[in-house]
Protein backbone atom coordinates (compact mmCIF):
# COMPACT_ATOMS: atom_id res chain seq x y z
CA UNK A 1 -67.74 -5.81 -2.63
CA UNK A 2 -64.35 -7.05 -3.87
CA UNK A 3 -62.05 -5.15 -6.16
CA UNK A 4 -60.11 -6.56 -9.08
CA UNK A 5 -56.86 -6.26 -7.10
CA UNK A 6 -58.32 -8.45 -4.34
CA UNK A 7 -59.29 -11.23 -6.83
CA UNK A 8 -55.78 -11.54 -8.37
CA UNK A 9 -53.48 -13.72 -6.28
CA UNK A 10 -50.14 -12.16 -5.37
CA UNK A 11 -46.80 -13.88 -6.23
CA UNK A 12 -45.84 -16.31 -3.47
CA UNK A 13 -49.45 -17.24 -2.60
CA UNK A 14 -51.24 -20.40 -3.73
CA UNK A 15 -54.61 -20.92 -5.34
CA UNK A 16 -57.24 -23.06 -3.67
CA UNK A 17 -56.06 -25.97 -5.74
CA UNK A 18 -52.44 -25.38 -4.86
CA UNK A 19 -51.01 -25.33 -8.41
CA UNK A 20 -48.09 -23.03 -9.08
CA UNK A 21 -45.06 -22.31 -11.23
CA UNK A 22 -41.67 -21.40 -9.79
CA UNK A 23 -39.52 -19.29 -12.15
CA UNK A 24 -35.77 -18.54 -11.92
CA UNK A 25 -33.99 -16.22 -14.38
CA UNK A 26 -30.32 -17.18 -14.78
CA UNK A 27 -27.92 -15.15 -16.93
CA UNK A 28 -25.22 -17.02 -18.89
CA UNK A 29 -21.84 -16.76 -17.08
CA UNK A 30 -20.25 -15.02 -20.08
CA UNK A 31 -22.50 -11.93 -19.91
CA UNK A 32 -23.88 -12.24 -16.36
CA UNK A 33 -21.71 -9.31 -15.16
CA UNK A 34 -23.36 -7.03 -17.76
CA UNK A 35 -26.93 -8.19 -17.34
CA UNK A 36 -26.88 -8.21 -13.53
CA UNK A 37 -25.66 -4.63 -13.40
CA UNK A 38 -27.66 -3.08 -16.25
CA UNK A 39 -30.81 -5.15 -16.84
CA UNK A 40 -33.72 -6.75 -14.99
CA UNK A 41 -35.53 -9.99 -15.90
CA UNK A 42 -39.30 -10.12 -16.34
CA UNK A 43 -41.98 -12.78 -16.72
CA UNK A 44 -45.17 -12.35 -18.72
CA UNK A 45 -47.54 -15.02 -17.47
CA UNK A 46 -50.78 -15.29 -19.43
CA UNK A 47 -50.35 -11.63 -20.37
CA UNK A 48 -49.66 -10.32 -16.86
CA UNK A 49 -46.20 -8.89 -16.36
CA UNK A 50 -44.08 -9.63 -13.26
CA UNK A 51 -40.62 -8.27 -12.40
CA UNK A 52 -38.10 -10.95 -11.44
CA UNK A 53 -34.66 -10.86 -9.81
CA UNK A 54 -31.62 -12.62 -11.29
CA UNK A 55 -30.98 -16.06 -9.73
CA UNK A 56 -33.94 -15.83 -7.27
CA UNK A 57 -36.85 -18.17 -7.55
CA UNK A 58 -40.33 -16.67 -7.49
CA UNK A 59 -43.50 -18.66 -7.17
CA UNK A 60 -46.72 -17.73 -8.97
CA UNK A 61 -50.12 -19.44 -8.29
CA UNK A 62 -51.89 -20.90 -11.27
CA UNK A 63 -55.18 -22.62 -12.03
CA UNK A 64 -54.77 -26.08 -13.59
CA UNK A 65 -54.67 -26.00 -17.41
CA UNK A 66 -52.67 -24.43 -20.22
CA UNK A 67 -50.55 -21.30 -19.60
CA UNK A 68 -48.30 -19.11 -21.73
CA UNK A 69 -45.01 -17.88 -20.25
CA UNK A 70 -42.65 -15.33 -21.77
CA UNK A 71 -39.38 -14.33 -20.17
CA UNK A 72 -37.30 -11.32 -21.23
CA UNK A 73 -35.14 -8.55 -19.85
CA UNK A 74 -35.12 -4.75 -19.95
CA UNK A 75 -32.17 -2.54 -19.59
CA UNK A 76 -32.73 -0.22 -16.63
CA UNK A 77 -34.62 2.95 -17.60
CA UNK A 78 -36.13 1.44 -20.76
CA UNK A 79 -39.55 -0.17 -21.54
CA UNK A 80 -38.41 -2.34 -24.47
CA UNK A 81 -38.60 -6.11 -23.92
CA UNK A 82 -35.39 -7.73 -25.17
CA UNK A 83 -34.40 -11.38 -25.54
CA UNK A 84 -37.94 -12.72 -25.33
CA UNK A 85 -38.32 -16.50 -24.98
CA UNK A 86 -41.62 -18.33 -24.62
CA UNK A 87 -42.99 -21.59 -23.25
CA UNK A 88 -46.44 -23.23 -23.27
CA UNK A 89 -47.03 -24.93 -19.91
CA UNK A 90 -49.75 -27.41 -18.97
CA UNK A 91 -50.15 -27.84 -15.21
CA UNK A 92 -52.38 -30.21 -13.30
CA UNK A 93 -54.24 -29.72 -10.05
CA UNK A 94 -51.87 -29.52 -7.09
CA UNK A 95 -48.69 -29.52 -9.27
CA UNK A 96 -45.76 -27.15 -9.00
CA UNK A 97 -43.78 -26.66 -12.23
CA UNK A 98 -40.19 -25.35 -12.08
CA UNK A 99 -39.01 -23.20 -14.98
CA UNK A 100 -35.51 -21.96 -15.44
CA UNK A 101 -35.03 -19.11 -17.96
CA UNK A 102 -31.47 -18.84 -19.23
CA UNK A 103 -29.96 -16.75 -22.02
CA UNK A 104 -27.00 -17.66 -24.19
CA UNK A 105 -23.51 -16.17 -24.17
CA UNK A 106 -24.46 -13.49 -26.71
CA UNK A 107 -26.77 -10.62 -25.79
CA UNK A 108 -29.10 -11.20 -28.73
CA UNK A 109 -29.92 -14.73 -27.50
CA UNK A 110 -33.30 -14.96 -25.76
CA UNK A 111 -33.95 -15.60 -22.08
CA UNK A 112 -35.38 -19.01 -22.95
CA UNK A 113 -37.65 -20.62 -20.35
CA UNK A 114 -37.32 -24.41 -19.97
CA UNK A 115 -39.35 -26.79 -17.80
CA UNK A 116 -37.12 -28.62 -15.32
CA UNK A 117 -37.75 -32.34 -14.83
């Protein structure tokens, strides 16, 4: 008997088909000093939330098809998602998409995910 936790792939592992998305959260240089010390980036991938680390790539396995990504940050000790940016991603079998999420120089600008070519 398998549990629900066993059926969900962990970050850094690949699905049978080998499709994945690699996500990097990069703060803008103007406010990087503030965000790196007081906030943490997050990814919501098809509704499942994952903690990220600033400037470190993390790979998440995906099934081929359409996926919804949201990136945001939280100040430490809070639960409010701030600066939310979103991206619709279509990925094919065996593909790896690279997404860089970057905010603007002002704190109210979203951590906007963009697909890298």
